[in-house]
Structures are given as C-alpha cells and as structure tokens.
C-alpha cells in the first residue's frame, strides 16, 4: 500500500491516518521489530546515540502533549 499525498492535504494528518489504518495502537510499551521500546502507533521512546541507547530528548514534552507524565 502506498501513501499518495495530495497537494492540498495536510501531510501530518494523511501520514497519521495511513499509519492508523495499517497498524495496531498499543497503550502499553512494547518492543518493536528491532526491540526498541515503543508506545502507541510506533513512537520510539529511546534513540541510539554515541554511548548506546538513551531516552529521547523530547520525550517528556512529547508525552505532555498527550497528557502523559512520567
């Protein structure tokens, strides 16, 4: 299945609707296909850096936008 953006479409909305229609949402943390701790429709909670895995710098702010506090 391909995502075909339309010139007048909001990309964020179209991308989200595409993902939502093709993946299951998880309200619990799960390991993605590479074992990365993930939440929702594929939001990775960690990133790989020079010293290994670390929490995303924007994790708290991102989660606050959806009313989740760690």
N, C-alpha and C. Protein backbone atom coordinates (compact mmCIF):
# COMPACT_ATOMS: atom_id res chain seq x y z
N UNK A 1 0.85 -1.17 0.00
CA UNK A 1 0.00 0.00 0.00
C UNK A 1 0.90 1.23 0.00
N UNK A 2 0.54 2.22 -0.78
CA UNK A 2 1.35 3.43 -0.86
C UNK A 2 0.58 4.62 -0.33
N UNK A 3 1.32 5.58 0.18
CA UNK A 3 0.75 6.85 0.65
C UNK A 3 0.92 7.84 -0.47
N UNK A 4 -0.18 8.37 -0.97
CA UNK A 4 -0.14 9.32 -2.08
C UNK A 4 -0.61 10.69 -1.61
N UNK A 5 0.33 11.56 -1.18
CA UNK A 5 -0.07 12.88 -0.71
C UNK A 5 -0.73 13.70 -1.81
N UNK A 6 -1.71 14.45 -1.44
CA UNK A 6 -2.38 15.37 -2.36
C UNK A 6 -1.87 16.77 -2.06
N UNK A 7 -1.75 17.62 -3.08
CA UNK A 7 -1.21 18.97 -2.87
C UNK A 7 -1.93 19.77 -1.79
N UNK A 8 -3.24 19.57 -1.62
CA UNK A 8 -3.99 20.35 -0.65
C UNK A 8 -4.09 19.65 0.71
N UNK A 9 -3.58 18.44 0.83
CA UNK A 9 -3.72 17.67 2.06
C UNK A 9 -2.68 18.07 3.11
N UNK A 10 -3.06 17.96 4.35
CA UNK A 10 -2.14 18.16 5.47
C UNK A 10 -1.33 16.88 5.63
N UNK A 11 -0.03 16.95 5.41
CA UNK A 11 0.80 15.75 5.43
C UNK A 11 0.72 15.02 6.76
N UNK A 12 0.78 15.75 7.87
CA UNK A 12 0.75 15.10 9.19
C UNK A 12 -0.52 14.27 9.35
N UNK A 13 -1.66 14.85 8.96
CA UNK A 13 -2.93 14.14 9.08
C UNK A 13 -2.97 12.94 8.16
N UNK A 14 -2.54 13.11 6.92
CA UNK A 14 -2.54 12.00 5.97
C UNK A 14 -1.61 10.87 6.43
N UNK A 15 -0.43 11.22 6.92
CA UNK A 15 0.52 10.20 7.39
C UNK A 15 -0.06 9.46 8.60
N UNK A 16 -0.63 10.20 9.55
CA UNK A 16 -1.21 9.56 10.73
C UNK A 16 -2.34 8.63 10.33
N UNK A 17 -3.23 9.07 9.46
CA UNK A 17 -4.35 8.24 9.03
C UNK A 17 -3.87 6.98 8.32
N UNK A 18 -2.80 7.09 7.54
CA UNK A 18 -2.22 5.93 6.86
C UNK A 18 -1.70 4.93 7.88
N UNK A 19 -0.92 5.41 8.84
CA UNK A 19 -0.35 4.53 9.87
C UNK A 19 -1.46 3.91 10.70
N UNK A 20 -2.41 4.73 11.13
CA UNK A 20 -3.53 4.26 11.95
C UNK A 20 -4.32 3.17 11.24
N UNK A 21 -4.45 3.28 9.93
CA UNK A 21 -5.20 2.29 9.17
C UNK A 21 -4.46 1.00 8.92
N UNK A 22 -3.14 0.99 9.16
CA UNK A 22 -2.34 -0.19 8.83
C UNK A 22 -1.60 -0.80 10.02
N UNK A 23 -1.69 -0.18 11.19
CA UNK A 23 -1.01 -0.71 12.37
C UNK A 23 -1.95 -0.66 13.56
N UNK A 24 -1.71 -1.53 14.51
CA UNK A 24 -2.49 -1.52 15.74
C UNK A 24 -1.85 -0.56 16.73
N UNK A 25 -2.68 0.11 17.51
CA UNK A 25 -2.18 1.01 18.54
C UNK A 25 -1.96 0.22 19.82
N UNK A 26 -0.92 0.57 20.56
CA UNK A 26 -0.65 -0.08 21.83
C UNK A 26 -0.59 0.97 22.93
N UNK A 27 -1.38 0.77 23.97
CA UNK A 27 -1.35 1.71 25.09
C UNK A 27 -0.31 1.30 26.13
N UNK A 28 0.39 0.21 25.86
CA UNK A 28 1.48 -0.24 26.71
C UNK A 28 2.78 -0.20 25.92
N UNK A 29 3.88 -0.04 26.64
CA UNK A 29 5.18 -0.05 25.99
C UNK A 29 5.44 -1.46 25.45
N UNK A 30 5.92 -1.53 24.21
CA UNK A 30 6.24 -2.81 23.59
C UNK A 30 7.55 -2.68 22.84
N UNK A 31 8.18 -3.79 22.53
CA UNK A 31 9.39 -3.79 21.72
C UNK A 31 9.01 -3.87 20.25
N UNK A 32 9.51 -2.94 19.44
CA UNK A 32 9.20 -3.01 18.01
C UNK A 32 9.97 -4.15 17.38
N UNK A 33 9.99 -4.23 16.07
CA UNK A 33 10.65 -5.36 15.40
C UNK A 33 12.15 -5.41 15.65
N UNK A 34 12.74 -4.30 16.10
CA UNK A 34 14.17 -4.28 16.44
C UNK A 34 14.41 -4.28 17.95
N UNK A 35 13.32 -4.41 18.73
CA UNK A 35 13.44 -4.44 20.17
C UNK A 35 13.46 -3.07 20.83
N UNK A 36 13.18 -2.02 20.07
CA UNK A 36 13.20 -0.66 20.61
C UNK A 36 11.91 -0.43 21.41
N UNK A 37 12.02 0.03 22.68
CA UNK A 37 10.82 0.32 23.46
C UNK A 37 9.98 1.38 22.75
N UNK A 38 8.72 1.05 22.51
CA UNK A 38 7.84 1.85 21.66
C UNK A 38 6.47 1.95 22.31
N UNK A 39 5.75 3.03 21.96
CA UNK A 39 4.42 3.27 22.51
C UNK A 39 3.50 3.74 21.39
N UNK A 40 2.22 3.43 21.51
CA UNK A 40 1.24 3.93 20.55
C UNK A 40 1.37 3.31 19.18
N UNK A 41 1.38 4.17 18.15
CA UNK A 41 1.50 3.72 16.76
C UNK A 41 2.94 3.73 16.28
N UNK A 42 3.88 3.48 17.16
CA UNK A 42 5.27 3.39 16.72
C UNK A 42 6.15 4.53 17.19
N UNK A 43 5.81 5.16 18.33
CA UNK A 43 6.63 6.23 18.88
C UNK A 43 7.75 5.59 19.70
N UNK A 44 8.98 5.65 19.18
CA UNK A 44 10.14 5.09 19.87
C UNK A 44 10.47 5.96 21.08
N UNK A 45 10.63 5.32 22.23
CA UNK A 45 10.92 6.05 23.47
C UNK A 45 12.40 6.34 23.66
N UNK A 46 13.24 5.63 22.93
CA UNK A 46 14.68 5.80 23.04
C UNK A 46 15.29 5.99 21.66
N UNK A 47 16.49 6.53 21.65
CA UNK A 47 17.25 6.69 20.42
C UNK A 47 18.67 6.16 20.65
N UNK A 48 19.30 5.73 19.59
CA UNK A 48 20.67 5.23 19.71
C UNK A 48 21.62 6.40 19.50
N UNK A 49 22.51 6.57 20.45
CA UNK A 49 23.49 7.64 20.37
C UNK A 49 24.90 7.09 20.41
N UNK A 50 25.86 7.98 20.58
CA UNK A 50 27.27 7.59 20.61
C UNK A 50 27.57 6.64 21.77
N UNK A 51 26.83 6.76 22.85
CA UNK A 51 27.07 5.93 24.05
C UNK A 51 25.99 4.87 24.26
N UNK A 52 25.32 4.48 23.20
CA UNK A 52 24.28 3.47 23.31
C UNK A 52 22.89 4.10 23.31
N UNK A 53 21.94 3.40 23.89
CA UNK A 53 20.56 3.86 23.90
C UNK A 53 20.34 4.90 24.98
N UNK A 54 19.50 5.90 24.67
CA UNK A 54 19.15 6.95 25.63
C UNK A 54 17.72 7.39 25.37
N UNK A 55 17.06 7.87 26.43
CA UNK A 55 15.72 8.42 26.25
C UNK A 55 15.78 9.58 25.28
N UNK A 56 14.73 9.76 24.51
CA UNK A 56 14.65 10.90 23.59
C UNK A 56 14.71 12.20 24.38
N UNK A 57 15.40 13.18 23.85
CA UNK A 57 15.47 14.49 24.50
C UNK A 57 14.09 15.12 24.62
N UNK A 58 13.21 14.83 23.68
CA UNK A 58 11.89 15.45 23.65
C UNK A 58 10.81 14.57 24.28
N UNK A 59 11.21 13.48 24.93
CA UNK A 59 10.24 12.52 25.44
C UNK A 59 9.22 13.17 26.39
N UNK A 60 9.68 13.88 27.41
CA UNK A 60 8.75 14.49 28.37
C UNK A 60 7.79 15.45 27.68
N UNK A 61 8.32 16.32 26.84
CA UNK A 61 7.47 17.31 26.14
C UNK A 61 6.48 16.62 25.20
N UNK A 62 6.95 15.60 24.49
CA UNK A 62 6.06 14.87 23.58
C UNK A 62 4.92 14.21 24.34
N UNK A 63 5.24 13.57 25.47
CA UNK A 63 4.22 12.88 26.24
C UNK A 63 3.27 13.87 26.92
N UNK A 64 3.78 15.02 27.34
CA UNK A 64 2.91 16.03 27.95
C UNK A 64 1.86 16.52 26.97
N UNK A 65 2.19 16.54 25.69
CA UNK A 65 1.22 16.97 24.66
C UNK A 65 0.01 16.05 24.61
N UNK A 66 0.18 14.81 25.04
CA UNK A 66 -0.95 13.88 25.06
C UNK A 66 -1.33 13.53 26.50
N UNK A 67 -0.98 14.42 27.43
CA UNK A 67 -1.37 14.31 28.84
C UNK A 67 -0.84 13.09 29.55
N UNK A 68 0.40 12.69 29.24
CA UNK A 68 1.06 11.60 29.95
C UNK A 68 2.27 12.19 30.65
N UNK A 69 2.39 11.91 31.95
CA UNK A 69 3.53 12.38 32.73
C UNK A 69 4.29 11.17 33.26
N UNK A 70 5.59 11.18 33.07
CA UNK A 70 6.41 10.08 33.61
C UNK A 70 6.69 10.34 35.07
